[in-house]
């Protein structure tokens, strides 16, 4: 489990162990999605030490907060919600692809958490330049919506259409709005 705040990570680990059993093996690793160098270090290390990766859930996020920039001088919403996680996926993709080729293995899954708030993105979005991304004049809700729109478009037209389908990879990739997901038995 990778996240920025240890107390949130520990709370999640405690909940998982409560539901799955105290012997569940979970490791917490700190990483700030607002720091591309840290992302590279953490996820390259994971890729090199793990034998397989069956499930990658990308759910880091900054909600509709005021404009600010990351360590890398990129709008926080855009980098944390989309760019950082896109980088994570790229760093781990060789391991996911390797897992997909193992015998008798179900297709690995990459799940991106997006939001219905993608509809609040500015009416015109090109994702064409850092100046467009780093525009403090954009409303907070639009900043958040734009980052969630980037996830939807990036998953569909980036990973699915340009990587997974052309290579005939046995990998599922999807973006979900978690509020609309039904969990059986709840």
C-alpha atoms as a PDB file:
ATOM      1  CA  UNK A   1       0.000   0.000   0.000  1.00  0.00           C
ATOM      2  CA  UNK A   2       1.396   3.332  -1.037  1.00  0.00           C
ATOM      3  CA  UNK A   3       0.162   6.709   0.116  1.00  0.00           C
ATOM      4  CA  UNK A   4       1.421   9.997   1.465  1.00  0.00           C
ATOM      5  CA  UNK A   5       0.165   9.943   5.057  1.00  0.00           C
ATOM      6  CA  UNK A   6       1.222   7.128   7.369  1.00  0.00           C
ATOM      7  CA  UNK A   7      -1.808   7.508   9.660  1.00  0.00           C
ATOM      8  CA  UNK A   8      -4.194   7.041   6.709  1.00  0.00           C
ATOM      9  CA  UNK A   9      -2.193   4.060   5.501  1.00  0.00           C
ATOM     10  CA  UNK A  10      -2.216   2.489   8.956  1.00  0.00           C
ATOM     11  CA  UNK A  11      -5.977   3.036   9.300  1.00  0.00           C
ATOM     12  CA  UNK A  12      -6.520   1.284   5.957  1.00  0.00           C
ATOM     13  CA  UNK A  13      -4.211  -1.577   6.952  1.00  0.00           C
ATOM     14  CA  UNK A  14      -6.069  -1.998  10.250  1.00  0.00           C
ATOM     15  CA  UNK A  15      -9.396  -2.143   8.406  1.00  0.00           C
ATOM     16  CA  UNK A  16      -8.103  -4.697   5.893  1.00  0.00           C
ATOM     17  CA  UNK A  17      -6.696  -6.879   8.675  1.00  0.00           C
ATOM     18  CA  UNK A  18      -9.979  -6.604  10.560  1.00  0.00           C
ATOM     19  CA  UNK A  19     -11.882  -7.853   7.513  1.00  0.00           C
ATOM     20  CA  UNK A  20      -9.329 -10.269   6.010  1.00  0.00           C
ATOM     21  CA  UNK A  21      -7.647 -11.541   9.146  1.00  0.00           C
ATOM     22  CA  UNK A  22      -4.766 -10.376  11.273  1.00  0.00           C
ATOM     23  CA  UNK A  23      -2.299 -12.484   9.290  1.00  0.00           C
ATOM     24  CA  UNK A  24      -2.898 -10.473   6.082  1.00  0.00           C
ATOM     25  CA  UNK A  25       0.491  -9.315   4.826  1.00  0.00           C
ATOM     26  CA  UNK A  26       0.464  -5.628   3.961  1.00  0.00           C
ATOM     27  CA  UNK A  27       3.400  -3.302   3.599  1.00  0.00           C
ATOM     28  CA  UNK A  28       3.004   0.491   3.713  1.00  0.00           C
ATOM     29  CA  UNK A  29       5.337   2.676   1.639  1.00  0.00           C
ATOM     30  CA  UNK A  30       5.248   6.481   1.759  1.00  0.00           C
ATOM     31  CA  UNK A  31       5.026   8.402  -1.502  1.00  0.00           C
ATOM     32  CA  UNK A  32       3.770  11.841  -2.507  1.00  0.00           C
ATOM     33  CA  UNK A  33       2.081  11.871  -5.932  1.00  0.00           C
ATOM     34  CA  UNK A  34       3.105  15.514  -6.106  1.00  0.00           C
ATOM     35  CA  UNK A  35       6.754  14.549  -6.480  1.00  0.00           C
ATOM     36  CA  UNK A  36       7.711  12.754  -9.716  1.00  0.00           C
ATOM     37  CA  UNK A  37      11.214  11.839  -8.495  1.00  0.00           C
ATOM     38  CA  UNK A  38       9.741  10.186  -5.403  1.00  0.00           C
ATOM     39  CA  UNK A  39       7.203   8.322  -7.546  1.00  0.00           C
ATOM     40  CA  UNK A  40      10.016   7.005  -9.755  1.00  0.00           C
ATOM     41  CA  UNK A  41      12.066   5.834  -6.791  1.00  0.00           C
ATOM     42  CA  UNK A  42       9.188   4.137  -4.949  1.00  0.00           C
ATOM     43  CA  UNK A  43       7.511   2.414  -7.883  1.00  0.00           C
ATOM     44  CA  UNK A  44      10.712   1.377  -9.639  1.00  0.00           C
ATOM     45  CA  UNK A  45      11.650  -0.300  -6.365  1.00  0.00           C
ATOM     46  CA  UNK A  46       8.292  -2.070  -6.204  1.00  0.00           C
ATOM     47  CA  UNK A  47       8.607  -3.201  -9.821  1.00  0.00           C
ATOM     48  CA  UNK A  48      12.086  -4.594  -9.191  1.00  0.00           C
ATOM     49  CA  UNK A  49      11.332  -6.467  -5.986  1.00  0.00           C
ATOM     50  CA  UNK A  50       7.899  -7.948  -6.745  1.00  0.00           C
ATOM     51  CA  UNK A  51       7.407 -11.089  -8.821  1.00  0.00           C
ATOM     52  CA  UNK A  52       3.891 -10.214 -10.002  1.00  0.00           C
ATOM     53  CA  UNK A  53       1.142  -7.597  -9.793  1.00  0.00           C
ATOM     54  CA  UNK A  54      -2.442  -8.767 -10.235  1.00  0.00           C
ATOM     55  CA  UNK A  55      -4.315  -5.645  -9.146  1.00  0.00           C
ATOM     56  CA  UNK A  56      -3.358  -1.976  -9.240  1.00  0.00           C
ATOM     57  CA  UNK A  57      -5.845   0.472  -7.762  1.00  0.00           C
ATOM     58  CA  UNK A  58      -5.033   4.111  -8.460  1.00  0.00           C
ATOM     59  CA  UNK A  59      -7.082   6.226  -6.086  1.00  0.00           C
ATOM     60  CA  UNK A  60      -4.818   9.024  -4.888  1.00  0.00           C
ATOM     61  CA  UNK A  61      -6.559  12.330  -5.103  1.00  0.00           C
ATOM     62  CA  UNK A  62      -6.936  15.945  -4.198  1.00  0.00           C
ATOM     63  CA  UNK A  63     -10.519  17.137  -4.025  1.00  0.00           C
ATOM     64  CA  UNK A  64     -11.781  20.523  -5.178  1.00  0.00           C
ATOM     65  CA  UNK A  65      -9.190  22.524  -3.244  1.00  0.00           C
ATOM     66  CA  UNK A  66      -7.759  25.895  -4.146  1.00  0.00           C
ATOM     67  CA  UNK A  67      -5.116  26.126  -6.842  1.00  0.00           C
ATOM     68  CA  UNK A  68      -1.600  25.195  -5.830  1.00  0.00           C
ATOM     69  CA  UNK A  69       1.450  23.648  -7.440  1.00  0.00           C
ATOM     70  CA  UNK A  70       3.348  20.486  -6.608  1.00  0.00           C
ATOM     71  CA  UNK A  71       7.025  19.984  -5.952  1.00  0.00           C
ATOM     72  CA  UNK A  72       7.327  19.704  -9.754  1.00  0.00           C
ATOM     73  CA  UNK A  73       5.581  23.056 -10.386  1.00  0.00           C
ATOM     74  CA  UNK A  74       2.427  21.456 -11.840  1.00  0.00           C
ATOM     75  CA  UNK A  75      -1.178  22.101 -10.752  1.00  0.00           C
ATOM     76  CA  UNK A  76      -1.722  19.855  -7.700  1.00  0.00           C
ATOM     77  CA  UNK A  77      -5.062  18.505  -8.912  1.00  0.00           C
ATOM     78  CA  UNK A  78      -3.680  17.518 -12.294  1.00  0.00           C
ATOM     79  CA  UNK A  79      -0.459  15.950 -11.024  1.00  0.00           C
ATOM     80  CA  UNK A  80      -1.827  14.067  -8.015  1.00  0.00           C
ATOM     81  CA  UNK A  81      -5.110  12.948  -9.566  1.00  0.00           C
ATOM     82  CA  UNK A  82      -3.815  12.099 -13.046  1.00  0.00           C
ATOM     83  CA  UNK A  83      -0.183  12.635 -14.020  1.00  0.00           C
ATOM     84  CA  UNK A  84       1.434  11.031 -10.963  1.00  0.00           C
ATOM     85  CA  UNK A  85      -0.788   7.981 -11.202  1.00  0.00           C
ATOM     86  CA  UNK A  86      -0.240   7.747 -14.962  1.00  0.00           C
ATOM     87  CA  UNK A  87       3.476   7.672 -14.200  1.00  0.00           C
ATOM     88  CA  UNK A  88       2.921   4.953 -11.585  1.00  0.00           C
ATOM     89  CA  UNK A  89       1.042   2.872 -14.144  1.00  0.00           C
ATOM     90  CA  UNK A  90       3.824   3.305 -16.688  1.00  0.00           C
ATOM     91  CA  UNK A  91       6.474   2.297 -14.168  1.00  0.00           C
ATOM     92  CA  UNK A  92       4.535  -0.802 -13.092  1.00  0.00           C
ATOM     93  CA  UNK A  93       3.232  -1.799 -16.515  1.00  0.00           C
ATOM     94  CA  UNK A  94       6.147  -4.162 -17.316  1.00  0.00           C
ATOM     95  CA  UNK A  95       5.349  -6.092 -14.117  1.00  0.00           C
ATOM     96  CA  UNK A  96       1.614  -6.129 -14.907  1.00  0.00           C
ATOM     97  CA  UNK A  97       2.336  -7.336 -18.443  1.00  0.00           C
ATOM     98  CA  UNK A  98       4.674 -10.029 -17.080  1.00  0.00           C
ATOM     99  CA  UNK A  99       1.907 -11.164 -14.700  1.00  0.00           C
ATOM    100  CA  UNK A 100      -0.608 -11.308 -17.564  1.00  0.00           C
ATOM    101  CA  UNK A 101       1.608 -13.832 -19.374  1.00  0.00           C
ATOM    102  CA  UNK A 102       1.908 -16.264 -16.449  1.00  0.00           C
ATOM    103  CA  UNK A 103       0.139 -19.591 -17.005  1.00  0.00           C
ATOM    104  CA  UNK A 104      -3.293 -20.077 -15.395  1.00  0.00           C
ATOM    105  CA  UNK A 105      -3.437 -16.452 -14.292  1.00  0.00           C
ATOM    106  CA  UNK A 106      -6.568 -14.297 -14.483  1.00  0.00           C
ATOM    107  CA  UNK A 107      -6.111 -11.012 -16.320  1.00  0.00           C
ATOM    108  CA  UNK A 108      -4.475  -8.392 -14.099  1.00  0.00           C
ATOM    109  CA  UNK A 109      -6.612  -5.327 -13.431  1.00  0.00           C
ATOM    110  CA  UNK A 110      -5.770  -1.646 -13.368  1.00  0.00           C
ATOM    111  CA  UNK A 111      -8.530   0.382 -11.722  1.00  0.00           C
ATOM    112  CA  UNK A 112      -8.504   4.177 -11.781  1.00  0.00           C
ATOM    113  CA  UNK A 113     -10.768   6.104  -9.432  1.00  0.00           C
ATOM    114  CA  UNK A 114     -12.427   8.958 -11.244  1.00  0.00           C
ATOM    115  CA  UNK A 115     -15.616  10.883 -10.511  1.00  0.00           C
ATOM    116  CA  UNK A 116     -18.874  12.066 -11.990  1.00  0.00           C
ATOM    117  CA  UNK A 117     -17.380  15.482 -11.270  1.00  0.00           C
ATOM    118  CA  UNK A 118     -15.455  15.111 -14.532  1.00  0.00           C
ATOM    119  CA  UNK A 119     -18.507  16.870 -15.954  1.00  0.00           C
ATOM    120  CA  UNK A 120     -17.394  20.030 -14.116  1.00  0.00           C
ATOM    121  CA  UNK A 121     -14.229  20.310 -16.240  1.00  0.00           C
ATOM    122  CA  UNK A 122     -13.900  23.557 -18.200  1.00  0.00           C
ATOM    123  CA  UNK A 123     -15.861  23.538 -21.460  1.00  0.00           C
ATOM    124  CA  UNK A 124     -12.644  23.644 -23.499  1.00  0.00           C
ATOM    125  CA  UNK A 125      -9.760  21.424 -22.412  1.00  0.00           C
ATOM    126  CA  UNK A 126      -6.786  20.516 -24.600  1.00  0.00           C
ATOM    127  CA  UNK A 127      -4.191  19.304 -22.071  1.00  0.00           C
ATOM    128  CA  UNK A 128      -1.820  20.913 -24.571  1.00  0.00           C
ATOM    129  CA  UNK A 129       0.624  22.881 -22.475  1.00  0.00           C
ATOM    130  CA  UNK A 130       1.892  23.493 -18.972  1.00  0.00           C
ATOM    131  CA  UNK A 131       0.473  27.031 -19.217  1.00  0.00           C
ATOM    132  CA  UNK A 132      -3.005  25.584 -19.756  1.00  0.00           C
ATOM    133  CA  UNK A 133      -2.558  23.086 -16.900  1.00  0.00           C
ATOM    134  CA  UNK A 134      -1.126  25.695 -14.518  1.00  0.00           C
ATOM    135  CA  UNK A 135      -3.935  28.218 -14.857  1.00  0.00           C
ATOM    136  CA  UNK A 136      -4.858  29.604 -11.414  1.00  0.00           C
ATOM    137  CA  UNK A 137      -7.854  31.396 -12.942  1.00  0.00           C
ATOM    138  CA  UNK A 138      -9.701  28.074 -13.303  1.00  0.00           C
ATOM    139  CA  UNK A 139     -12.332  27.480 -10.627  1.00  0.00           C
ATOM    140  CA  UNK A 140     -11.490  24.844  -7.970  1.00  0.00           C
ATOM    141  CA  UNK A 141     -14.324  22.571  -9.064  1.00  0.00           C
ATOM    142  CA  UNK A 142     -13.170  22.840 -12.679  1.00  0.00           C
ATOM    143  CA  UNK A 143      -9.586  21.980 -11.655  1.00  0.00           C
ATOM    144  CA  UNK A 144     -10.843  18.826  -9.969  1.00  0.00           C
ATOM    145  CA  UNK A 145     -13.210  18.000 -12.831  1.00  0.00           C
ATOM    146  CA  UNK A 146     -10.444  18.468 -15.389  1.00  0.00           C
ATOM    147  CA  UNK A 147      -8.178  16.041 -13.536  1.00  0.00           C
ATOM    148  CA  UNK A 148     -10.948  13.428 -13.403  1.00  0.00           C
ATOM    149  CA  UNK A 149     -11.689  13.961 -17.106  1.00  0.00           C
ATOM    150  CA  UNK A 150      -7.982  13.385 -17.801  1.00  0.00           C
ATOM    151  CA  UNK A 151      -8.260   9.985 -16.100  1.00  0.00           C
ATOM    152  CA  UNK A 152     -11.253   8.919 -18.199  1.00  0.00           C
ATOM    153  CA  UNK A 153      -9.670  10.051 -21.470  1.00  0.00           C
ATOM    154  CA  UNK A 154      -6.241   8.719 -20.569  1.00  0.00           C
ATOM    155  CA  UNK A 155      -7.540   5.281 -19.641  1.00  0.00           C
ATOM    156  CA  UNK A 156      -9.706   4.935 -22.750  1.00  0.00           C
ATOM    157  CA  UNK A 157      -7.608   6.605 -25.431  1.00  0.00           C
ATOM    158  CA  UNK A 158      -4.196   6.129 -23.840  1.00  0.00           C
ATOM    159  CA  UNK A 159      -3.852   2.791 -22.127  1.00  0.00           C
ATOM    160  CA  UNK A 160      -6.734   0.850 -23.647  1.00  0.00           C
ATOM    161  CA  UNK A 161      -6.672   2.017 -27.269  1.00  0.00           C
ATOM    162  CA  UNK A 162      -2.940   2.670 -27.680  1.00  0.00           C
ATOM    163  CA  UNK A 163      -1.292   0.056 -25.485  1.00  0.00           C
ATOM    164  CA  UNK A 164      -3.503  -2.829 -24.393  1.00  0.00           C
ATOM    165  CA  UNK A 165      -5.562  -3.431 -27.547  1.00  0.00           C
ATOM    166  CA  UNK A 166      -2.742  -3.068 -30.125  1.00  0.00           C
ATOM    167  CA  UNK A 167      -0.533  -5.427 -28.088  1.00  0.00           C
ATOM    168  CA  UNK A 168      -3.418  -7.823 -27.403  1.00  0.00           C
ATOM    169  CA  UNK A 169      -2.531  -7.739 -23.712  1.00  0.00           C
ATOM    170  CA  UNK A 170      -4.664  -9.801 -21.369  1.00  0.00           C
ATOM    171  CA  UNK A 171      -5.100  -6.866 -18.974  1.00  0.00           C
ATOM    172  CA  UNK A 172      -8.272  -5.104 -17.854  1.00  0.00           C
ATOM    173  CA  UNK A 173      -8.069  -1.356 -17.408  1.00  0.00           C
ATOM    174  CA  UNK A 174     -11.003   0.754 -16.307  1.00  0.00           C
ATOM    175  CA  UNK A 175     -11.983   3.985 -14.635  1.00  0.00           C
ATOM    176  CA  UNK A 176     -14.783   4.021 -12.081  1.00  0.00           C
ATOM    177  CA  UNK A 177     -16.859   6.491 -10.129  1.00  0.00           C
ATOM    178  CA  UNK A 178     -16.823   4.792  -6.722  1.00  0.00           C
ATOM    179  CA  UNK A 179     -20.136   6.271  -5.588  1.00  0.00           C
ATOM    180  CA  UNK A 180     -21.886   4.317  -8.327  1.00  0.00           C
ATOM    181  CA  UNK A 181     -20.305   0.958  -7.527  1.00  0.00           C
ATOM    182  CA  UNK A 182     -22.544  -1.628  -5.903  1.00  0.00           C
ATOM    183  CA  UNK A 183     -20.859  -4.056  -3.530  1.00  0.00           C
ATOM    184  CA  UNK A 184     -22.710  -7.355  -3.160  1.00  0.00           C
ATOM    185  CA  UNK A 185     -23.756  -8.168   0.382  1.00  0.00           C
ATOM    186  CA  UNK A 186     -23.702  -4.597   1.669  1.00  0.00           C
END
